[in-house]
Amino acid sequence: MKTHKITGIEPNSIAEELGLCPGDLLLSIDGAEVTDVFDYLYLTGEEELLLLVQKADGEEWELEIEKEAGEDLGILFDSGLMDDYKSCSNHCIFCFIDQLPKGMRETLYFKDDDSRLSFLQGNYVTLTNLKEADMNRIIAYQLGPVNISVHTTNPKLREFMLHNRFAGEALKKIEALYRGGVHMNGQIVLCKGVNDKDELERSIKDLNAYLPLMESVSVVPTGLSKYREGLHPLEAFTKEDAIEVIDTIELWQKKCCKTYGTHFIHASDEWYLLAERDLPAEETYDGYLQLENGVGMLRLMWDEFVEALEESAENFMEPAEVSAEFASKSSTSVEDFSHKASKDFSQNSGAKSPKIRISLATGTLAASFIQELLNLFEERYPQYAVTVYPIVNHFFGEQITVSGLLTGADLIEQLKGKDLGERLLLPANLLRSGEEVFLDDVSLSELKETLQVEINMVQSTGQEFLNALINR
């Protein structure tokens, strides 16, 4: 029987109340073996359960638990999957990992294709690794949504794109999940001259058949680094290509809305930036089902930022109002406080006083979008002057234009010696999750020391962007 070592206990959790400790072994739940996180989440979702645990001294405890349905026990394991990660068996013609230069840290070269990461972390999987037993468990446990890298519904073309002779057959698993009542999302990585145009039309039409359980499908352009020697030749999309892709998707959105009441198929933000088209309205995104795929992130950020600006304007008080409120709580006289507040307001209005200068660096693709947000900001806060520095990606190649793939070396090379003002703002997605290190292992502290400027990492929400700008 497979056992699982407990590595941590959440404070104030059920597990802590029961006296469980790191080092204990989970043996079974309700008499059933726990193979991995699939089993664990399903079995612990019940209101009543029986835990069999082996303590460090070898003693076995049977623990009867009553709790709320779905309430977490607060047990941590050394792996989020409670099992080994499944690596990818495909060799996709567009795989970005194959386009990495040599010499980067080892973890960047690991390709996962594990269905368990799909509903735990939102990862997209090709289904080529999904065995029948796993399919049966997903359906039995009603786990979802399962995020699927479809790319094309043409079986032969899919075999070519994934370089896997079983990739076309794996499409049948979408049908099985659909018949099993499992919710799904889809993704199409579009490659110019391969799965676009008529093939894209075919894929959208075929995937329509799985509505409403297939809740959404995103279309994203493939990323092409300069390290493609020996790989399938692919071309970058042009502005005209992006316009054609958007027109195709928006036509299908109208059909889907009319028939199903949902837009279903979505173009990622990159297409709109490349086509120089206005972003769709909020309602087009059906509740932002694919934010992590870059679908609707800019629209959401724009709306949140505008709302935050409006709220900051509503909360702003004229000097007389400020003085009356704060002087009542201070030993300073109303007259003295009012004089100081009037002086501060005059300075902050930007009429004659020096502006507060800050800078922001981002990828070349979104730089114009960020500049539009900053134009709105400077209208509301004229005491600030913000300079945007679009960073060209020399590390991966100039065709990589998104901010998330910028490196510390490129930031240093293109910002050193520039007037960065009092602070430099950088998108938080430049750093490894939970760490202060860029993709090329340059640390945030190294960047600060080299550029000699305070650096603020900014999350992508509109409110946090505004907070970072005004150093709140």
Protein backbone atom coordinates (compact mmCIF):
# COMPACT_ATOMS: atom_id res chain seq x y z
CA MET A 1 0.00 0.00 0.00
CA LYS A 2 1.30 3.42 -0.95
CA THR A 3 1.93 5.76 2.01
CA HIS A 4 2.46 9.51 2.13
CA LYS A 5 4.77 11.34 4.52
CA ILE A 6 3.25 14.42 6.16
CA THR A 7 5.67 17.34 5.91
CA GLY A 8 3.64 20.10 7.52
CA ILE A 9 0.48 20.95 9.44
CA GLU A 10 -1.50 24.15 8.91
CA PRO A 11 -2.01 26.20 12.12
CA ASN A 12 -5.51 26.02 13.67
CA SER A 13 -6.46 23.21 11.28
CA ILE A 14 -8.32 19.95 11.84
CA ALA A 15 -5.01 18.09 11.54
CA GLU A 16 -3.48 20.20 14.32
CA GLU A 17 -6.47 19.52 16.60
CA LEU A 18 -6.06 15.80 15.97
CA GLY A 19 -2.42 15.90 17.04
CA LEU A 20 -0.92 15.04 13.67
CA CYS A 21 2.72 16.04 13.17
CA PRO A 22 5.30 16.32 10.41
CA GLY A 23 6.86 12.90 9.92
CA ASP A 24 3.59 10.99 10.37
CA LEU A 25 2.51 8.71 7.52
CA LEU A 26 -0.93 8.80 5.93
CA LEU A 27 -1.85 5.15 5.28
CA SER A 28 -5.44 5.25 4.06
CA ILE A 29 -8.73 7.17 4.04
CA ASP A 30 -11.95 5.22 4.64
CA GLY A 31 -9.95 2.06 4.07
CA ALA A 32 -8.97 3.11 0.55
CA GLU A 33 -5.41 3.55 -0.69
CA VAL A 34 -4.47 7.13 -1.55
CA THR A 35 -2.61 6.95 -4.84
CA ASP A 36 -2.17 10.68 -5.35
CA VAL A 37 -3.86 14.05 -4.97
CA PHE A 38 -6.81 12.87 -7.11
CA ASP A 39 -7.75 10.32 -4.45
CA TYR A 40 -6.86 12.57 -1.53
CA LEU A 41 -9.06 15.48 -2.59
CA TYR A 42 -11.98 13.22 -3.43
CA LEU A 43 -11.83 11.15 -0.25
CA THR A 44 -11.31 14.12 2.09
CA GLY A 45 -14.19 16.02 0.52
CA GLU A 46 -16.74 14.04 2.54
CA GLU A 47 -18.29 15.28 5.79
CA GLU A 48 -17.34 12.09 7.68
CA LEU A 49 -14.16 10.11 7.11
CA LEU A 50 -11.79 7.68 8.78
CA LEU A 51 -8.07 8.47 8.65
CA LEU A 52 -5.46 5.77 9.26
CA VAL A 53 -2.14 7.34 10.25
CA GLN A 54 1.16 5.86 11.43
CA LYS A 55 3.00 7.94 13.99
CA ALA A 56 6.78 8.33 14.11
CA ASP A 57 7.07 5.60 16.80
CA GLY A 58 5.20 3.11 14.58
CA GLU A 59 1.87 3.35 16.43
CA GLU A 60 -1.17 3.46 14.14
CA TRP A 61 -4.01 5.89 14.85
CA GLU A 62 -7.54 5.56 13.52
CA LEU A 63 -9.09 9.02 13.49
CA GLU A 64 -12.81 9.55 12.95
CA ILE A 65 -13.43 13.03 11.54
CA GLU A 66 -16.62 15.07 11.16
CA LYS A 67 -16.33 18.33 9.27
CA GLU A 68 -17.93 20.54 6.67
CA ALA A 69 -18.11 19.09 3.15
CA GLY A 70 -15.02 20.17 1.23
CA GLU A 71 -13.28 21.57 4.34
CA ASP A 72 -9.51 21.10 4.15
CA LEU A 73 -7.77 18.99 6.78
CA GLY A 74 -4.67 21.19 6.82
CA ILE A 75 -2.17 18.43 5.95
CA LEU A 76 0.85 19.26 3.77
CA PHE A 77 2.90 16.77 1.76
CA ASP A 78 6.30 17.08 0.13
CA SER A 79 4.69 17.14 -3.32
CA GLY A 80 1.53 18.94 -4.31
CA LEU A 81 0.62 15.93 -6.45
CA MET A 82 1.50 13.38 -3.73
CA ASP A 83 3.27 11.60 -6.57
CA ASP A 84 5.96 12.12 -9.21
CA TYR A 85 5.29 14.71 -11.90
CA LYS A 86 4.53 13.35 -15.36
CA SER A 87 6.77 14.77 -18.05
CA CYS A 88 5.66 15.54 -21.58
CA SER A 89 6.10 12.85 -24.21
CA ASN A 90 5.46 15.22 -27.13
CA HIS A 91 7.88 17.23 -29.23
CA CYS A 92 5.64 20.10 -30.29
CA ILE A 93 6.89 22.17 -33.21
CA PHE A 94 6.22 25.35 -31.19
CA CYS A 95 7.44 24.23 -27.74
CA PHE A 96 9.13 27.18 -26.05
CA ILE A 97 11.25 24.97 -23.81
CA ASP A 98 12.96 23.60 -26.91
CA GLN A 99 13.76 27.21 -27.80
CA LEU A 100 15.69 27.96 -24.61
CA PRO A 101 19.43 28.56 -24.80
CA LYS A 102 21.78 26.13 -23.09
CA GLY A 103 23.12 26.80 -19.63
CA MET A 104 19.95 28.00 -17.87
CA ARG A 105 18.86 26.44 -14.58
CA GLU A 106 17.78 22.83 -14.91
CA THR A 107 14.16 23.29 -13.77
CA LEU A 108 13.39 25.48 -16.80
CA TYR A 109 13.93 22.52 -19.12
CA PHE A 110 11.35 20.26 -17.46
CA LYS A 111 8.21 19.78 -19.61
CA ASP A 112 5.16 18.81 -17.60
CA ASP A 113 2.04 17.28 -19.12
CA ASP A 114 0.24 16.19 -15.97
CA SER A 115 -3.55 16.31 -15.85
CA ARG A 116 -3.45 16.72 -12.07
CA LEU A 117 -1.73 20.09 -12.51
CA SER A 118 -4.58 21.10 -14.78
CA PHE A 119 -7.19 21.48 -12.07
CA LEU A 120 -4.69 22.24 -9.28
CA GLN A 121 -2.74 25.02 -11.00
CA GLY A 122 -4.55 25.67 -14.26
CA ASN A 123 -1.86 24.08 -16.45
CA TYR A 124 -2.85 22.97 -19.95
CA VAL A 125 -2.36 19.32 -20.91
CA THR A 126 -2.36 17.53 -24.26
CA LEU A 127 -4.13 14.37 -22.98
CA THR A 128 -1.46 12.18 -24.61
CA ASN A 129 -0.21 11.17 -21.12
CA LEU A 130 -3.69 10.53 -19.74
CA LYS A 131 -4.24 6.82 -19.13
CA GLU A 132 -7.66 5.17 -19.02
CA ALA A 133 -7.50 4.79 -15.23
CA ASP A 134 -6.85 8.52 -14.87
CA MET A 135 -9.73 9.29 -17.23
CA ASN A 136 -12.05 7.12 -15.19
CA ARG A 137 -11.04 8.85 -11.96
CA ILE A 138 -11.51 12.34 -13.42
CA ILE A 139 -15.00 11.37 -14.53
CA ALA A 140 -15.87 9.51 -11.33
CA TYR A 141 -14.60 12.31 -9.09
CA GLN A 142 -15.96 15.01 -11.43
CA LEU A 143 -12.66 16.88 -11.27
CA GLY A 144 -12.44 20.00 -13.33
CA PRO A 145 -12.16 22.07 -15.22
CA VAL A 146 -9.57 20.13 -17.22
CA ASN A 147 -7.54 22.58 -19.33
CA ILE A 148 -6.68 21.02 -22.68
CA SER A 149 -4.04 22.03 -25.22
CA VAL A 150 -6.05 21.21 -28.32
CA HIS A 151 -4.16 23.19 -31.00
CA THR A 152 -6.14 21.51 -33.78
CA THR A 153 -9.02 19.05 -34.10
CA ASN A 154 -7.52 17.61 -37.27
CA PRO A 155 -6.05 14.28 -36.01
CA LYS A 156 -3.30 14.01 -38.61
CA LEU A 157 -2.28 17.65 -38.22
CA ARG A 158 -2.22 17.24 -34.44
CA GLU A 159 0.09 14.24 -34.76
CA PHE A 160 2.42 16.41 -36.84
CA MET A 161 2.25 19.46 -34.52
CA LEU A 162 2.87 17.39 -31.37
CA HIS A 163 5.25 15.01 -33.16
CA ASN A 164 3.38 12.16 -31.48
CA ARG A 165 1.60 9.42 -33.42
CA PHE A 166 -0.95 9.07 -30.60
CA ALA A 167 -1.85 12.77 -30.47
CA GLY A 168 -4.72 12.46 -32.95
CA GLU A 169 -6.23 9.53 -31.08
CA ALA A 170 -6.00 11.52 -27.83
CA LEU A 171 -8.64 13.92 -29.19
CA LYS A 172 -11.22 11.21 -28.48
CA LYS A 173 -10.61 11.80 -24.78
CA ILE A 174 -12.31 15.19 -25.13
CA GLU A 175 -15.44 13.34 -26.24
CA ALA A 176 -15.11 10.94 -23.28
CA LEU A 177 -14.76 13.82 -20.81
CA TYR A 178 -17.76 15.52 -22.40
CA ARG A 179 -19.90 12.38 -22.09
CA GLY A 180 -18.69 12.06 -18.50
CA GLY A 181 -19.96 15.54 -17.63
CA VAL A 182 -16.49 17.02 -16.95
CA HIS A 183 -16.00 20.75 -17.47
CA MET A 184 -13.14 21.79 -19.74
CA ASN A 185 -11.31 24.76 -21.25
CA GLY A 186 -9.34 24.62 -24.47
CA GLN A 187 -6.28 26.30 -25.90
CA ILE A 188 -5.06 26.68 -29.47
CA VAL A 189 -1.46 27.78 -29.95
CA LEU A 190 -1.57 29.18 -33.46
CA CYS A 191 1.32 28.60 -35.84
CA LYS A 192 1.42 30.59 -39.06
CA GLY A 193 0.80 28.41 -42.11
CA VAL A 194 0.12 25.32 -39.98
CA ASN A 195 -3.11 25.42 -37.96
CA ASP A 196 -4.43 28.88 -38.86
CA LYS A 197 -6.97 30.01 -41.48
CA ASP A 198 -9.18 27.06 -42.58
CA GLU A 199 -7.72 24.79 -39.91
CA LEU A 200 -8.57 27.33 -37.23
CA GLU A 201 -12.13 27.53 -38.56
CA ARG A 202 -12.37 23.74 -38.43
CA SER A 203 -11.09 23.57 -34.84
CA ILE A 204 -13.51 26.23 -33.60
CA LYS A 205 -16.43 24.54 -35.33
CA ASP A 206 -15.53 21.09 -33.96
CA LEU A 207 -15.03 22.36 -30.40
CA ASN A 208 -18.44 24.06 -30.51
CA ALA A 209 -19.93 20.58 -30.24
CA TYR A 210 -18.70 20.31 -26.64
CA LEU A 211 -20.49 23.38 -25.35
CA PRO A 212 -21.45 24.08 -22.60
CA LEU A 213 -19.02 21.69 -20.86
CA MET A 214 -16.18 23.09 -22.95
CA GLU A 215 -16.57 26.49 -21.34
CA SER A 216 -14.02 28.47 -23.35
CA VAL A 217 -11.25 28.19 -25.92
CA SER A 218 -8.36 30.63 -26.28
CA VAL A 219 -6.27 31.30 -29.35
CA VAL A 220 -2.71 32.48 -28.63
CA PRO A 221 0.18 33.11 -31.03
CA THR A 222 3.22 30.89 -30.75
CA GLY A 223 6.30 32.49 -29.21
CA LEU A 224 9.43 32.31 -31.33
CA SER A 225 12.84 32.75 -29.72
CA LYS A 226 16.08 33.12 -31.67
CA TYR A 227 17.18 29.64 -30.56
CA ARG A 228 15.35 27.57 -33.19
CA GLU A 229 18.21 25.86 -34.96
CA GLY A 230 17.14 22.36 -36.03
CA LEU A 231 13.47 23.01 -35.19
CA HIS A 232 10.52 23.21 -37.56
CA PRO A 233 10.64 26.56 -39.41
CA LEU A 234 7.94 28.92 -38.16
CA GLU A 235 7.21 32.54 -39.04
CA ALA A 236 6.06 35.36 -36.81
CA PHE A 237 2.55 36.73 -37.32
CA THR A 238 2.18 40.17 -38.90
CA LYS A 239 -0.34 42.92 -38.22
CA GLU A 240 -2.40 41.75 -41.19
CA ASP A 241 -2.37 38.18 -39.84
CA ALA A 242 -3.56 39.38 -36.44
CA ILE A 243 -6.43 41.29 -38.03
CA GLU A 244 -7.51 38.15 -39.90
CA VAL A 245 -7.35 36.03 -36.75
CA ILE A 246 -9.42 38.54 -34.78
CA ASP A 247 -12.01 38.83 -37.56
CA THR A 248 -12.39 35.03 -37.64
CA ILE A 249 -12.76 34.80 -33.87
CA GLU A 250 -15.18 37.70 -33.57
CA LEU A 251 -17.39 36.20 -36.30
CA TRP A 252 -17.54 32.93 -34.36
CA GLN A 253 -18.23 34.83 -31.14
CA LYS A 254 -21.37 36.29 -32.72
CA LYS A 255 -22.51 32.81 -33.78
CA CYS A 256 -21.83 31.33 -30.34
CA CYS A 257 -23.60 34.17 -28.55
CA LYS A 258 -26.65 33.76 -30.72
CA THR A 259 -26.78 29.97 -30.29
CA TYR A 260 -25.35 29.34 -26.82
CA GLY A 261 -25.33 32.70 -25.03
CA THR A 262 -21.55 32.68 -24.61
CA HIS A 263 -18.65 34.04 -26.66
CA PHE A 264 -16.76 30.75 -26.18
CA ILE A 265 -13.77 31.44 -28.45
CA HIS A 266 -11.31 34.17 -27.41
CA ALA A 267 -8.28 35.87 -28.90
CA SER A 268 -5.46 36.57 -26.46
CA ASP A 269 -4.51 40.18 -25.82
CA GLU A 270 -1.40 39.89 -28.01
CA TRP A 271 -3.53 39.69 -31.15
CA TYR A 272 -5.22 43.02 -30.39
CA LEU A 273 -1.95 44.74 -29.62
CA LEU A 274 -0.35 43.37 -32.79
CA ALA A 275 -3.37 44.35 -34.89
CA GLU A 276 -3.54 47.77 -33.19
CA ARG A 277 -7.22 47.11 -32.49
CA ASP A 278 -9.20 48.34 -29.49
CA LEU A 279 -9.64 45.75 -26.75
CA PRO A 280 -13.07 44.09 -26.54
CA ALA A 281 -15.54 45.15 -23.85
CA GLU A 282 -15.57 43.37 -20.49
CA GLU A 283 -18.68 41.31 -21.27
CA THR A 284 -16.90 39.74 -24.25
CA TYR A 285 -14.69 37.71 -21.91
CA ASP A 286 -17.52 35.75 -20.24
CA GLY A 287 -16.16 36.32 -16.74
CA TYR A 288 -12.45 36.14 -17.66
CA LEU A 289 -12.16 32.35 -17.81
CA GLN A 290 -8.66 32.39 -19.31
CA LEU A 291 -6.82 35.25 -17.66
CA GLU A 292 -3.71 33.13 -17.11
CA ASN A 293 -3.60 32.54 -20.85
CA GLY A 294 -3.39 36.27 -21.49
CA VAL A 295 -7.05 36.57 -22.46
CA GLY A 296 -8.59 39.76 -21.08
CA MET A 297 -5.75 40.73 -18.73
CA LEU A 298 -5.35 44.13 -20.35
CA ARG A 299 -9.08 44.87 -20.45
CA LEU A 300 -9.42 43.94 -16.79
CA MET A 301 -6.38 46.00 -15.85
CA TRP A 302 -7.68 49.01 -17.81
CA ASP A 303 -11.13 48.89 -16.18
CA GLU A 304 -9.69 48.38 -12.70
CA PHE A 305 -7.21 51.23 -13.19
CA VAL A 306 -9.87 53.66 -14.42
CA GLU A 307 -12.12 52.70 -11.51
CA ALA A 308 -9.26 53.17 -9.05
CA LEU A 309 -8.49 56.59 -10.53
CA GLU A 310 -12.13 57.62 -10.21
CA GLU A 311 -12.25 56.47 -6.61
CA SER A 312 -9.05 58.34 -5.81
CA ALA A 313 -10.63 61.48 -7.30
CA GLU A 314 -13.79 61.00 -5.20
CA ASN A 315 -11.74 60.50 -2.03
CA PHE A 316 -9.54 63.50 -2.70
CA MET A 317 -10.37 66.51 -0.46
CA GLU A 318 -9.68 70.16 -1.12
CA PRO A 319 -7.26 71.84 1.36
CA ALA A 320 -10.03 73.41 3.43
CA GLU A 321 -11.73 70.02 3.90
CA VAL A 322 -8.42 68.37 4.75
CA SER A 323 -7.50 70.96 7.33
CA ALA A 324 -10.86 70.79 9.07
CA GLU A 325 -10.74 67.02 9.37
CA PHE A 326 -7.14 66.54 10.43
CA ALA A 327 -6.72 69.64 12.58
CA SER A 328 -9.56 68.43 14.79
CA LYS A 329 -7.39 65.38 15.59
CA SER A 330 -4.16 67.33 16.03
CA SER A 331 -2.65 69.87 18.41
CA THR A 332 -1.92 72.06 15.37
CA SER A 333 -4.29 75.02 15.01
CA VAL A 334 -6.82 75.01 12.17
CA GLU A 335 -5.22 78.16 10.68
CA ASP A 336 -1.68 76.70 10.71
CA PHE A 337 -2.83 73.37 9.30
CA SER A 338 -4.93 75.01 6.60
CA HIS A 339 -1.94 77.12 5.52
CA LYS A 340 0.30 74.01 5.29
CA ALA A 341 -2.36 71.99 3.44
CA SER A 342 -2.89 74.80 0.93
CA LYS A 343 0.85 74.98 0.34
CA ASP A 344 1.09 71.20 -0.14
CA PHE A 345 -1.86 71.18 -2.51
CA SER A 346 -0.35 73.97 -4.57
CA GLN A 347 2.92 72.07 -4.85
CA ASN A 348 1.20 68.80 -5.73
CA SER A 349 -0.87 70.48 -8.41
CA GLY A 350 2.33 70.62 -10.44
CA ALA A 351 1.88 74.31 -11.29
CA LYS A 352 5.49 75.38 -10.71
CA SER A 353 7.10 72.83 -8.44
CA PRO A 354 9.40 70.06 -9.78
CA LYS A 355 7.53 66.95 -10.79
CA ILE A 356 7.95 63.61 -9.07
CA ARG A 357 9.82 61.60 -11.71
CA ILE A 358 9.49 57.83 -11.85
CA SER A 359 10.07 55.25 -14.57
CA LEU A 360 8.56 51.99 -15.77
CA ALA A 361 10.02 49.22 -17.92
CA THR A 362 7.97 46.62 -19.80
CA GLY A 363 7.98 44.52 -22.95
CA THR A 364 7.74 46.24 -26.30
CA LEU A 365 4.30 44.79 -27.10
CA ALA A 366 2.38 46.35 -24.20
CA ALA A 367 4.39 49.58 -23.91
CA SER A 368 1.86 51.68 -25.85
CA PHE A 369 -1.00 50.28 -23.76
CA ILE A 370 0.83 51.16 -20.53
CA GLN A 371 1.52 54.64 -21.89
CA GLU A 372 -2.23 55.18 -22.42
CA LEU A 373 -2.88 54.27 -18.79
CA LEU A 374 -0.16 56.66 -17.69
CA ASN A 375 -1.67 59.47 -19.74
CA LEU A 376 -4.85 59.06 -17.69
CA PHE A 377 -2.80 58.90 -14.51
CA GLU A 378 -0.89 62.12 -15.23
CA GLU A 379 -4.14 63.96 -15.94
CA ARG A 380 -5.34 63.01 -12.46
CA TYR A 381 -1.92 63.39 -10.81
CA PRO A 382 -0.12 66.18 -12.71
CA GLN A 383 2.62 66.32 -10.07
CA TYR A 384 3.99 63.03 -11.48
CA ALA A 385 5.98 62.44 -14.65
CA VAL A 386 6.37 58.80 -15.65
CA THR A 387 8.75 57.61 -18.37
CA VAL A 388 8.06 54.26 -20.07
CA TYR A 389 11.05 52.26 -21.28
CA PRO A 390 10.11 49.50 -23.77
CA ILE A 391 12.74 46.76 -23.33
CA VAL A 392 13.83 44.86 -26.42
CA ASN A 393 14.35 41.17 -25.67
CA HIS A 394 17.93 40.51 -26.79
CA PHE A 395 18.19 37.40 -24.60
CA PHE A 396 15.48 35.37 -26.36
CA GLY A 397 15.27 37.44 -29.55
CA GLU A 398 13.40 40.53 -30.66
CA GLN A 399 10.33 38.52 -31.71
CA ILE A 400 9.66 37.87 -28.01
CA THR A 401 7.81 41.02 -27.02
CA VAL A 402 5.96 40.10 -23.79
CA SER A 403 7.11 41.36 -20.41
CA GLY A 404 7.12 37.97 -18.67
CA LEU A 405 10.18 36.80 -20.65
CA LEU A 406 12.40 39.80 -20.01
CA THR A 407 15.69 39.12 -18.25
CA GLY A 408 17.81 40.98 -15.75
CA ALA A 409 20.64 41.33 -18.28
CA ASP A 410 18.42 43.09 -20.82
CA LEU A 411 17.07 45.41 -18.13
CA ILE A 412 20.58 46.34 -17.05
CA GLU A 413 21.84 46.82 -20.59
CA GLN A 414 18.96 49.07 -21.68
CA LEU A 415 18.32 51.01 -18.45
CA LYS A 416 21.85 51.65 -17.18
CA GLY A 417 22.67 55.34 -17.47
CA LYS A 418 19.06 56.32 -18.12
CA ASP A 419 17.17 58.88 -16.04
CA LEU A 420 15.03 56.52 -13.96
CA GLY A 421 13.78 59.13 -11.50
CA GLU A 422 13.05 58.30 -7.88
CA ARG A 423 11.74 54.79 -8.51
CA LEU A 424 11.61 52.14 -11.24
CA LEU A 425 8.45 50.06 -11.62
CA LEU A 426 8.68 46.55 -13.08
CA PRO A 427 5.93 43.96 -13.78
CA ALA A 428 5.91 41.29 -11.07
CA ASN A 429 5.76 38.50 -13.68
CA LEU A 430 9.44 39.13 -14.48
CA LEU A 431 10.42 37.28 -11.30
CA ARG A 432 10.26 33.57 -10.56
CA SER A 433 7.21 32.79 -8.42
CA GLY A 434 8.01 33.39 -4.77
CA GLU A 435 11.60 34.46 -5.48
CA GLU A 436 13.49 37.64 -6.31
CA VAL A 437 15.31 36.23 -9.34
CA PHE A 438 14.85 36.88 -13.06
CA LEU A 439 14.86 34.16 -15.74
CA ASP A 440 18.60 34.54 -16.32
CA ASP A 441 19.29 34.23 -12.56
CA VAL A 442 20.11 37.92 -12.14
CA SER A 443 18.70 38.84 -8.73
CA LEU A 444 16.53 41.80 -7.93
CA SER A 445 19.15 43.08 -5.49
CA GLU A 446 21.80 42.94 -8.26
CA LEU A 447 19.54 44.99 -10.51
CA LYS A 448 18.96 47.59 -7.78
CA GLU A 449 22.66 47.85 -7.05
CA THR A 450 23.59 48.21 -10.72
CA LEU A 451 20.93 50.76 -11.61
CA GLN A 452 21.17 52.60 -8.28
CA VAL A 453 17.42 53.13 -8.01
CA GLU A 454 14.59 51.94 -5.82
CA ILE A 455 12.62 49.22 -7.62
CA ASN A 456 8.95 48.37 -7.07
CA MET A 457 7.55 45.12 -8.47
CA VAL A 458 3.97 45.71 -9.61
CA GLN A 459 1.13 43.21 -9.82
CA SER A 460 -1.15 43.38 -12.85
CA THR A 461 -4.32 44.64 -11.15
CA GLY A 462 -5.36 48.22 -11.80
CA GLN A 463 -5.55 49.16 -8.12
CA GLU A 464 -2.08 47.79 -7.36
CA PHE A 465 -0.67 49.60 -10.39
CA LEU A 466 -2.10 52.89 -9.14
CA ASN A 467 -0.82 52.19 -5.62
CA ALA A 468 2.67 51.57 -7.02
CA LEU A 469 2.62 54.76 -9.07
CA ILE A 470 1.77 56.98 -6.11
CA ASN A 471 3.94 54.87 -3.76
CA ARG A 472 1.00 54.11 -1.52
